[in-house]
Amino acid sequence: MRAARRSLWKQLLDNAARAVDSGVGVDAEQTHEREIEKLHAEIGQLTVETSF
């Protein structure tokens, strides 16, 4: 039960800025998406390299 409460508090604190300013985090989300795309490309490249 305590772990669940800590998790909820952590989520609240992590996202508190968004409650005040909806523009906060937009750049971070876009950066995150670009990073995911880059990592997927790297995974694909490594998959091809290991298959040869």
C-alpha atoms as a PDB file:
ATOM      1  CA  MET A   1       0.000   0.000   0.000  1.00  0.00           C
ATOM      2  CA  ARG A   2       2.789   2.434   0.840  1.00  0.00           C
ATOM      3  CA  ALA A   3       4.547   1.688  -2.433  1.00  0.00           C
ATOM      4  CA  ALA A   4       1.365   2.530  -4.327  1.00  0.00           C
ATOM      5  CA  ARG A   5       1.063   5.837  -2.492  1.00  0.00           C
ATOM      6  CA  ARG A   6       4.693   6.684  -3.201  1.00  0.00           C
ATOM      7  CA  SER A   7       4.131   5.892  -6.851  1.00  0.00           C
ATOM      8  CA  LEU A   8       1.096   8.177  -6.990  1.00  0.00           C
ATOM      9  CA  TRP A   9       2.997  10.988  -5.255  1.00  0.00           C
ATOM     10  CA  LYS A  10       5.924  10.532  -7.625  1.00  0.00           C
ATOM     11  CA  GLN A  11       3.596  10.748 -10.636  1.00  0.00           C
ATOM     12  CA  LEU A  12       1.964  13.844  -9.167  1.00  0.00           C
ATOM     13  CA  LEU A  13       5.275  15.555  -8.566  1.00  0.00           C
ATOM     14  CA  ASP A  14       6.673  14.541 -11.958  1.00  0.00           C
ATOM     15  CA  ASN A  15       3.636  15.948 -13.771  1.00  0.00           C
ATOM     16  CA  ALA A  16       2.814  18.915 -11.527  1.00  0.00           C
ATOM     17  CA  ALA A  17       4.211  21.444 -14.000  1.00  0.00           C
ATOM     18  CA  ARG A  18       1.778  20.252 -16.666  1.00  0.00           C
ATOM     19  CA  ALA A  19      -1.151  21.144 -14.423  1.00  0.00           C
ATOM     20  CA  VAL A  20      -0.061  24.767 -14.532  1.00  0.00           C
ATOM     21  CA  ASP A  21       1.363  25.025 -18.054  1.00  0.00           C
ATOM     22  CA  SER A  22       0.188  22.624 -20.746  1.00  0.00           C
ATOM     23  CA  GLY A  23       3.169  23.540 -22.936  1.00  0.00           C
ATOM     24  CA  VAL A  24       5.629  22.109 -20.445  1.00  0.00           C
ATOM     25  CA  GLY A  25       7.026  18.792 -21.546  1.00  0.00           C
ATOM     26  CA  VAL A  26       6.111  19.106 -25.220  1.00  0.00           C
ATOM     27  CA  ASP A  27       9.760  19.466 -26.224  1.00  0.00           C
ATOM     28  CA  ALA A  28      10.680  16.585 -23.948  1.00  0.00           C
ATOM     29  CA  GLU A  29       8.053  14.357 -25.565  1.00  0.00           C
ATOM     30  CA  GLN A  30       9.294  15.220 -29.047  1.00  0.00           C
ATOM     31  CA  THR A  31      12.883  14.531 -27.989  1.00  0.00           C
ATOM     32  CA  HIS A  32      11.766  11.240 -26.489  1.00  0.00           C
ATOM     33  CA  GLU A  33      10.035  10.223 -29.728  1.00  0.00           C
ATOM     34  CA  ARG A  34      13.129  11.086 -31.780  1.00  0.00           C
ATOM     35  CA  GLU A  35      15.284   9.054 -29.404  1.00  0.00           C
ATOM     36  CA  ILE A  36      12.957   6.061 -29.767  1.00  0.00           C
ATOM     37  CA  GLU A  37      13.098   6.311 -33.569  1.00  0.00           C
ATOM     38  CA  LYS A  38      16.886   6.511 -33.434  1.00  0.00           C
ATOM     39  CA  LEU A  39      17.090   3.462 -31.178  1.00  0.00           C
ATOM     40  CA  HIS A  40      14.742   1.472 -33.428  1.00  0.00           C
ATOM     41  CA  ALA A  41      16.947   2.303 -36.409  1.00  0.00           C
ATOM     42  CA  GLU A  42      20.014   1.171 -34.467  1.00  0.00           C
ATOM     43  CA  ILE A  43      18.278  -2.081 -33.494  1.00  0.00           C
ATOM     44  CA  GLY A  44      17.436  -2.708 -37.145  1.00  0.00           C
ATOM     45  CA  GLN A  45      21.015  -2.030 -38.201  1.00  0.00           C
ATOM     46  CA  LEU A  46      22.407  -4.359 -35.534  1.00  0.00           C
ATOM     47  CA  THR A  47      19.920  -7.054 -36.518  1.00  0.00           C
ATOM     48  CA  VAL A  48      21.081  -6.882 -40.133  1.00  0.00           C
ATOM     49  CA  GLU A  49      24.750  -6.917 -39.076  1.00  0.00           C
ATOM     50  CA  THR A  50      24.335  -9.985 -36.872  1.00  0.00           C
ATOM     51  CA  SER A  51      22.465 -11.906 -39.551  1.00  0.00           C
ATOM     52  CA  PHE A  52      25.445 -11.723 -41.934  1.00  0.00           C
END
